[in-house]
Structure formats: structure tokens, C-alpha cells
Amino acid sequence: MPKVSKETLEKIRKALPQNAIQMIAEKTGLKANTVRQILFKPERFNKSVIEEAIKLGESNAAEVEEMINRANAL
């Protein structure tokens, strides 16, 4: 079974918006505690959770960048 390194999981977690655990849980049909364990323990790999977390992280990064650009334009 594939494994994601602790460092990679940390990068993913740092990119997530608030309430991301609950959002991922709703999307995947898993409990929030299960999602949390997957995002903190490399041995608990779950492809759908990692995919959703990456999508949310990318979306969050794009929103933050857009917000910064708008603020700089003031």
C-alpha cells in the first residue's frame, strides 16, 4: 500500500482552510476523526482523503493569492 511521508502530509495540512477536516469527511463519507488520523498518520493512507485534501489546499491557495492581489491593488 502506498504511503505519504510525514513531511508531505504536513504540507497538505498547512495548505488546508479552516473546517477542512469536516469538509473532507462530508465529501468522502468518512468520520472527521478518521480523516484527521489519515492526515496525521502516514500509515493510514486513503487515496480519496488525500485527493480531497489536495484539491481543497489548491483551492484555498488560489483564493488566498487572489485576496492578496486584490488587497495590493487598493
PDB file of N, CA and C in Angstrom:
ATOM      1  N   MET A   1       0.848  -1.185   0.000  1.00  0.00           N
ATOM      2  CA  MET A   1       0.000   0.000   0.000  1.00  0.00           C
ATOM      3  C   MET A   1       0.894   1.248   0.000  1.00  0.00           C
ATOM      4  N   PRO A   2       0.545   2.243  -0.806  1.00  0.00           N
ATOM      5  CA  PRO A   2       1.368   3.463  -0.847  1.00  0.00           C
ATOM      6  C   PRO A   2       1.333   4.208   0.486  1.00  0.00           C
ATOM      7  N   LYS A   3       2.348   4.994   0.663  1.00  0.00           N
ATOM      8  CA  LYS A   3       2.447   5.788   1.873  1.00  0.00           C
ATOM      9  C   LYS A   3       2.830   7.208   1.494  1.00  0.00           C
ATOM     10  N   VAL A   4       2.309   8.149   2.213  1.00  0.00           N
ATOM     11  CA  VAL A   4       2.677   9.546   2.027  1.00  0.00           C
ATOM     12  C   VAL A   4       3.574   9.906   3.208  1.00  0.00           C
ATOM     13  N   SER A   5       4.653  10.606   2.943  1.00  0.00           N
ATOM     14  CA  SER A   5       5.581  10.940   4.025  1.00  0.00           C
ATOM     15  C   SER A   5       4.949  11.921   5.014  1.00  0.00           C
ATOM     16  N   LYS A   6       5.502  11.956   6.209  1.00  0.00           N
ATOM     17  CA  LYS A   6       5.039  12.900   7.229  1.00  0.00           C
ATOM     18  C   LYS A   6       5.189  14.334   6.728  1.00  0.00           C
ATOM     19  N   GLU A   7       6.287  14.589   6.024  1.00  0.00           N
ATOM     20  CA  GLU A   7       6.550  15.935   5.502  1.00  0.00           C
ATOM     21  C   GLU A   7       5.487  16.351   4.484  1.00  0.00           C
ATOM     22  N   THR A   8       5.112  15.419   3.612  1.00  0.00           N
ATOM     23  CA  THR A   8       4.087  15.712   2.612  1.00  0.00           C
ATOM     24  C   THR A   8       2.742  15.954   3.282  1.00  0.00           C
ATOM     25  N   LEU A   9       2.405  15.129   4.262  1.00  0.00           N
ATOM     26  CA  LEU A   9       1.147  15.331   4.989  1.00  0.00           C
ATOM     27  C   LEU A   9       1.141  16.685   5.683  1.00  0.00           C
ATOM     28  N   GLU A  10       2.278  17.085   6.213  1.00  0.00           N
ATOM     29  CA  GLU A  10       2.358  18.384   6.870  1.00  0.00           C
ATOM     30  C   GLU A  10       2.117  19.517   5.868  1.00  0.00           C
ATOM     31  N   LYS A  11       2.690  19.408   4.676  1.00  0.00           N
ATOM     32  CA  LYS A  11       2.471  20.417   3.630  1.00  0.00           C
ATOM     33  C   LYS A  11       0.995  20.491   3.261  1.00  0.00           C
ATOM     34  N   ILE A  12       0.376  19.328   3.134  1.00  0.00           N
ATOM     35  CA  ILE A  12      -1.052  19.283   2.794  1.00  0.00           C
ATOM     36  C   ILE A  12      -1.859  19.952   3.901  1.00  0.00           C
ATOM     37  N   ARG A  13      -1.606  19.597   5.153  1.00  0.00           N
ATOM     38  CA  ARG A  13      -2.363  20.165   6.279  1.00  0.00           C
ATOM     39  C   ARG A  13      -2.215  21.674   6.348  1.00  0.00           C
ATOM     40  N   LYS A  14      -1.000  22.172   6.140  1.00  0.00           N
ATOM     41  CA  LYS A  14      -0.764  23.616   6.212  1.00  0.00           C
ATOM     42  C   LYS A  14      -1.515  24.375   5.128  1.00  0.00           C
ATOM     43  N   ALA A  15      -1.784  23.726   4.010  1.00  0.00           N
ATOM     44  CA  ALA A  15      -2.472  24.387   2.901  1.00  0.00           C
ATOM     45  C   ALA A  15      -3.990  24.398   3.064  1.00  0.00           C
ATOM     46  N   LEU A  16      -4.503  23.636   4.018  1.00  0.00           N
ATOM     47  CA  LEU A  16      -5.957  23.486   4.163  1.00  0.00           C
ATOM     48  C   LEU A  16      -6.598  24.684   4.853  1.00  0.00           C
ATOM     49  N   PRO A  17      -7.818  25.013   4.436  1.00  0.00           N
ATOM     50  CA  PRO A  17      -8.565  26.079   5.118  1.00  0.00           C
ATOM     51  C   PRO A  17      -9.165  25.546   6.420  1.00  0.00           C
ATOM     52  N   GLN A  18      -9.709  26.473   7.206  1.00  0.00           N
ATOM     53  CA  GLN A  18     -10.407  26.050   8.419  1.00  0.00           C
ATOM     54  C   GLN A  18     -11.583  25.164   8.026  1.00  0.00           C
ATOM     55  N   ASN A  19     -11.953  24.268   8.896  1.00  0.00           N
ATOM     56  CA  ASN A  19     -13.066  23.333   8.696  1.00  0.00           C
ATOM     57  C   ASN A  19     -12.804  22.320   7.585  1.00  0.00           C
ATOM     58  N   ALA A  20     -11.559  22.197   7.144  1.00  0.00           N
ATOM     59  CA  ALA A  20     -11.240  21.276   6.057  1.00  0.00           C
ATOM     60  C   ALA A  20     -11.510  19.828   6.437  1.00  0.00           C
ATOM     61  N   ILE A  21     -11.231  19.467   7.676  1.00  0.00           N
ATOM     62  CA  ILE A  21     -11.441  18.079   8.110  1.00  0.00           C
ATOM     63  C   ILE A  21     -12.908  17.700   7.908  1.00  0.00           C
ATOM     64  N   GLN A  22     -13.804  18.564   8.350  1.00  0.00           N
ATOM     65  CA  GLN A  22     -15.230  18.286   8.206  1.00  0.00           C
ATOM     66  C   GLN A  22     -15.640  18.262   6.740  1.00  0.00           C
ATOM     67  N   MET A  23     -15.104  19.170   5.952  1.00  0.00           N
ATOM     68  CA  MET A  23     -15.423  19.218   4.522  1.00  0.00           C
ATOM     69  C   MET A  23     -14.977  17.933   3.823  1.00  0.00           C
ATOM     70  N   ILE A  24     -13.780  17.469   4.143  1.00  0.00           N
ATOM     71  CA  ILE A  24     -13.269  16.233   3.545  1.00  0.00           C
ATOM     72  C   ILE A  24     -14.105  15.045   4.004  1.00  0.00           C
ATOM     73  N   ALA A  25     -14.477  15.035   5.269  1.00  0.00           N
ATOM     74  CA  ALA A  25     -15.313  13.952   5.801  1.00  0.00           C
ATOM     75  C   ALA A  25     -16.641  13.870   5.041  1.00  0.00           C
ATOM     76  N   GLU A  26     -17.257  15.010   4.805  1.00  0.00           N
ATOM     77  CA  GLU A  26     -18.527  15.030   4.076  1.00  0.00           C
ATOM     78  C   GLU A  26     -18.361  14.539   2.643  1.00  0.00           C
ATOM     79  N   LYS A  27     -17.280  14.951   1.994  1.00  0.00           N
ATOM     80  CA  LYS A  27     -17.037  14.548   0.601  1.00  0.00           C
ATOM     81  C   LYS A  27     -16.747  13.055   0.478  1.00  0.00           C
ATOM     82  N   THR A  28     -16.045  12.495   1.454  1.00  0.00           N
ATOM     83  CA  THR A  28     -15.620  11.099   1.360  1.00  0.00           C
ATOM     84  C   THR A  28     -16.552  10.123   2.074  1.00  0.00           C
ATOM     85  N   GLY A  29     -17.454  10.650   2.903  1.00  0.00           N
ATOM     86  CA  GLY A  29     -18.352   9.780   3.646  1.00  0.00           C
ATOM     87  C   GLY A  29     -17.717   9.152   4.873  1.00  0.00           C
ATOM     88  N   LEU A  30     -16.554   9.668   5.255  1.00  0.00           N
ATOM     89  CA  LEU A  30     -15.868   9.165   6.440  1.00  0.00           C
ATOM     90  C   LEU A  30     -16.137  10.076   7.628  1.00  0.00           C
ATOM     91  N   LYS A  31     -15.839   9.586   8.803  1.00  0.00           N
ATOM     92  CA  LYS A  31     -15.972  10.412  10.004  1.00  0.00           C
ATOM     93  C   LYS A  31     -14.798  11.380  10.076  1.00  0.00           C
ATOM     94  N   ALA A  32     -15.035  12.532  10.691  1.00  0.00           N
ATOM     95  CA  ALA A  32     -13.997  13.557  10.804  1.00  0.00           C
ATOM     96  C   ALA A  32     -12.764  13.013  11.527  1.00  0.00           C
ATOM     97  N   ASN A  33     -12.962  12.199  12.545  1.00  0.00           N
ATOM     98  CA  ASN A  33     -11.827  11.633  13.278  1.00  0.00           C
ATOM     99  C   ASN A  33     -10.978  10.727  12.381  1.00  0.00           C
ATOM    100  N   THR A  34     -11.621   9.983  11.503  1.00  0.00           N
ATOM    101  CA  THR A  34     -10.900   9.116  10.568  1.00  0.00           C
ATOM    102  C   THR A  34     -10.077   9.959   9.603  1.00  0.00           C
ATOM    103  N   VAL A  35     -10.670  11.026   9.089  1.00  0.00           N
ATOM    104  CA  VAL A  35      -9.957  11.929   8.180  1.00  0.00           C
ATOM    105  C   VAL A  35      -8.745  12.524   8.895  1.00  0.00           C
ATOM    106  N   ARG A  36      -8.930  12.962  10.110  1.00  0.00           N
ATOM    107  CA  ARG A  36      -7.841  13.544  10.903  1.00  0.00           C
ATOM    108  C   ARG A  36      -6.692  12.541  11.050  1.00  0.00           C
ATOM    109  N   GLN A  37      -7.025  11.309  11.364  1.00  0.00           N
ATOM    110  CA  GLN A  37      -5.991  10.285  11.524  1.00  0.00           C
ATOM    111  C   GLN A  37      -5.239  10.057  10.210  1.00  0.00           C
ATOM    112  N   ILE A  38      -5.949  10.047   9.107  1.00  0.00           N
ATOM    113  CA  ILE A  38      -5.321   9.843   7.800  1.00  0.00           C
ATOM    114  C   ILE A  38      -4.373  10.989   7.479  1.00  0.00           C
ATOM    115  N   LEU A  39      -4.754  12.209   7.837  1.00  0.00           N
ATOM    116  CA  LEU A  39      -3.912  13.368   7.530  1.00  0.00           C
ATOM    117  C   LEU A  39      -2.744  13.542   8.492  1.00  0.00           C
ATOM    118  N   PHE A  40      -2.724  12.789   9.581  1.00  0.00           N
ATOM    119  CA  PHE A  40      -1.622  12.894  10.537  1.00  0.00           C
ATOM    120  C   PHE A  40      -0.757  11.641  10.612  1.00  0.00           C
ATOM    121  N   LYS A  41      -1.246  10.524  10.119  1.00  0.00           N
ATOM    122  CA  LYS A  41      -0.502   9.264  10.223  1.00  0.00           C
ATOM    123  C   LYS A  41      -0.270   8.672   8.833  1.00  0.00           C
ATOM    124  N   PRO A  42       0.968   8.681   8.368  1.00  0.00           N
ATOM    125  CA  PRO A  42       1.264   8.168   7.022  1.00  0.00           C
ATOM    126  C   PRO A  42       0.787   6.731   6.792  1.00  0.00           C
ATOM    127  N   GLU A  43       0.784   5.917   7.838  1.00  0.00           N
ATOM    128  CA  GLU A  43       0.377   4.517   7.678  1.00  0.00           C
ATOM    129  C   GLU A  43      -1.129   4.359   7.454  1.00  0.00           C
ATOM    130  N   ARG A  44      -1.896   5.425   7.633  1.00  0.00           N
ATOM    131  CA  ARG A  44      -3.355   5.380   7.456  1.00  0.00           C
ATOM    132  C   ARG A  44      -3.768   5.896   6.076  1.00  0.00           C
ATOM    133  N   PHE A  45      -2.948   5.679   5.078  1.00  0.00           N
ATOM    134  CA  PHE A  45      -3.179   6.202   3.725  1.00  0.00           C
ATOM    135  C   PHE A  45      -4.580   5.891   3.212  1.00  0.00           C
ATOM    136  N   ASN A  46      -5.209   6.905   2.620  1.00  0.00           N
ATOM    137  CA  ASN A  46      -6.501   6.749   1.962  1.00  0.00           C
ATOM    138  C   ASN A  46      -6.496   7.703   0.769  1.00  0.00           C
ATOM    139  N   LYS A  47      -6.523   7.135  -0.420  1.00  0.00           N
ATOM    140  CA  LYS A  47      -6.392   7.925  -1.644  1.00  0.00           C
ATOM    141  C   LYS A  47      -7.459   9.010  -1.759  1.00  0.00           C
ATOM    142  N   SER A  48      -8.701   8.694  -1.467  1.00  0.00           N
ATOM    143  CA  SER A  48      -9.771   9.678  -1.633  1.00  0.00           C
ATOM    144  C   SER A  48      -9.607  10.846  -0.659  1.00  0.00           C
ATOM    145  N   VAL A  49      -9.148  10.586   0.549  1.00  0.00           N
ATOM    146  CA  VAL A  49      -8.936  11.658   1.526  1.00  0.00           C
ATOM    147  C   VAL A  49      -7.786  12.555   1.075  1.00  0.00           C
ATOM    148  N   ILE A  50      -6.693  11.946   0.626  1.00  0.00           N
ATOM    149  CA  ILE A  50      -5.546  12.724   0.174  1.00  0.00           C
ATOM    150  C   ILE A  50      -5.920  13.568  -1.040  1.00  0.00           C
ATOM    151  N   GLU A  51      -6.654  12.982  -1.981  1.00  0.00           N
ATOM    152  CA  GLU A  51      -7.098  13.730  -3.173  1.00  0.00           C
ATOM    153  C   GLU A  51      -7.954  14.934  -2.794  1.00  0.00           C
ATOM    154  N   GLU A  52      -8.919  14.727  -1.920  1.00  0.00           N
ATOM    155  CA  GLU A  52      -9.789  15.825  -1.490  1.00  0.00           C
ATOM    156  C   GLU A  52      -8.998  16.899  -0.752  1.00  0.00           C
ATOM    157  N   ALA A  53      -8.053  16.478   0.076  1.00  0.00           N
ATOM    158  CA  ALA A  53      -7.237  17.433   0.826  1.00  0.00           C
ATOM    159  C   ALA A  53      -6.392  18.274  -0.133  1.00  0.00           C
ATOM    160  N   ILE A  54      -5.823  17.639  -1.148  1.00  0.00           N
ATOM    161  CA  ILE A  54      -5.013  18.382  -2.127  1.00  0.00           C
ATOM    162  C   ILE A  54      -5.887  19.362  -2.902  1.00  0.00           C
ATOM    163  N   LYS A  55      -7.061  18.924  -3.331  1.00  0.00           N
ATOM    164  CA  LYS A  55      -7.977  19.824  -4.047  1.00  0.00           C
ATOM    165  C   LYS A  55      -8.343  21.032  -3.187  1.00  0.00           C
ATOM    166  N   LEU A  56      -8.677  20.773  -1.923  1.00  0.00           N
ATOM    167  CA  LEU A  56      -9.024  21.867  -1.012  1.00  0.00           C
ATOM    168  C   LEU A  56      -7.836  22.791  -0.784  1.00  0.00           C
ATOM    169  N   GLY A  57      -6.657  22.226  -0.634  1.00  0.00           N
ATOM    170  CA  GLY A  57      -5.449  23.025  -0.428  1.00  0.00           C
ATOM    171  C   GLY A  57      -5.155  23.907  -1.630  1.00  0.00           C
ATOM    172  N   GLU A  58      -5.288  23.350  -2.824  1.00  0.00           N
ATOM    173  CA  GLU A  58      -5.060  24.125  -4.046  1.00  0.00           C
ATOM    174  C   GLU A  58      -6.083  25.247  -4.184  1.00  0.00           C
ATOM    175  N   SER A  59      -7.322  24.925  -3.910  1.00  0.00           N
ATOM    176  CA  SER A  59      -8.386  25.928  -3.984  1.00  0.00           C
ATOM    177  C   SER A  59      -8.155  27.038  -2.968  1.00  0.00           C
ATOM    178  N   ASN A  60      -7.777  26.649  -1.761  1.00  0.00           N
ATOM    179  CA  ASN A  60      -7.511  27.629  -0.710  1.00  0.00           C
ATOM    180  C   ASN A  60      -6.339  28.529  -1.092  1.00  0.00           C
ATOM    181  N   ALA A  61      -5.281  27.943  -1.630  1.00  0.00           N
ATOM    182  CA  ALA A  61      -4.111  28.729  -2.038  1.00  0.00           C
ATOM    183  C   ALA A  61      -4.484  29.738  -3.119  1.00  0.00           C
ATOM    184  N   ALA A  62      -5.314  29.319  -4.070  1.00  0.00           N
ATOM    185  CA  ALA A  62      -5.745  30.222  -5.137  1.00  0.00           C
ATOM    186  C   ALA A  62      -6.587  31.363  -4.573  1.00  0.00           C
ATOM    187  N   GLU A  63      -7.457  31.061  -3.624  1.00  0.00           N
ATOM    188  CA  GLU A  63      -8.293  32.098  -3.010  1.00  0.00           C
ATOM    189  C   GLU A  63      -7.447  33.095  -2.222  1.00  0.00           C
ATOM    190  N   VAL A  64      -6.472  32.594  -1.493  1.00  0.00           N
ATOM    191  CA  VAL A  64      -5.599  33.472  -0.712  1.00  0.00           C
ATOM    192  C   VAL A  64      -4.789  34.365  -1.645  1.00  0.00           C
ATOM    193  N   GLU A  65      -4.262  33.780  -2.732  1.00  0.00           N
ATOM    194  CA  GLU A  65      -3.486  34.573  -3.689  1.00  0.00           C
ATOM    195  C   GLU A  65      -4.346  35.674  -4.313  1.00  0.00           C
ATOM    196  N   GLU A  66      -5.564  35.334  -4.669  1.00  0.00           N
ATOM    197  CA  GLU A  66      -6.481  36.325  -5.239  1.00  0.00           C
ATOM    198  C   GLU A  66      -6.776  37.427  -4.230  1.00  0.00           C
ATOM    199  N   MET A  67      -6.983  37.070  -2.981  1.00  0.00           N
ATOM    200  CA  MET A  67      -7.251  38.048  -1.934  1.00  0.00           C
ATOM    201  C   MET A  67      -6.062  38.979  -1.761  1.00  0.00           C
ATOM    202  N   ILE A  68      -4.867  38.445  -1.771  1.00  0.00           N
ATOM    203  CA  ILE A  68      -3.653  39.259  -1.638  1.00  0.00           C
ATOM    204  C   ILE A  68      -3.528  40.211  -2.814  1.00  0.00           C
ATOM    205  N   ASN A  69      -3.788  39.704  -4.016  1.00  0.00           N
ATOM    206  CA  ASN A  69      -3.720  40.562  -5.204  1.00  0.00           C
ATOM    207  C   ASN A  69      -4.742  41.704  -5.135  1.00  0.00           C
ATOM    208  N   ARG A  70      -5.933  41.398  -4.666  1.00  0.00           N
ATOM    209  CA  ARG A  70      -6.962  42.439  -4.527  1.00  0.00           C
ATOM    210  C   ARG A  70      -6.542  43.463  -3.490  1.00  0.00           C
ATOM    211  N   ALA A  71      -5.989  42.998  -2.383  1.00  0.00           N
ATOM    212  CA  ALA A  71      -5.535  43.929  -1.327  1.00  0.00           C
ATOM    213  C   ALA A  71      -4.400  44.809  -1.825  1.00  0.00           C
ATOM    214  N   ASN A  72      -3.480  44.259  -2.593  1.00  0.00           N
ATOM    215  CA  ASN A  72      -2.371  45.027  -3.132  1.00  0.00           C
ATOM    216  C   ASN A  72      -2.826  46.062  -4.158  1.00  0.00           C
ATOM    217  N   ALA A  73      -3.976  45.818  -4.761  1.00  0.00           N
ATOM    218  CA  ALA A  73      -4.495  46.750  -5.765  1.00  0.00           C
ATOM    219  C   ALA A  73      -5.190  47.951  -5.140  1.00  0.00           C
ATOM    220  N   LEU A  74      -5.411  47.928  -3.849  1.00  0.00           N
ATOM    221  CA  LEU A  74      -6.101  49.037  -3.174  1.00  0.00           C
ATOM    222  C   LEU A  74      -5.264  50.296  -3.195  1.00  0.00           C
TER     223      LEU A  74
END
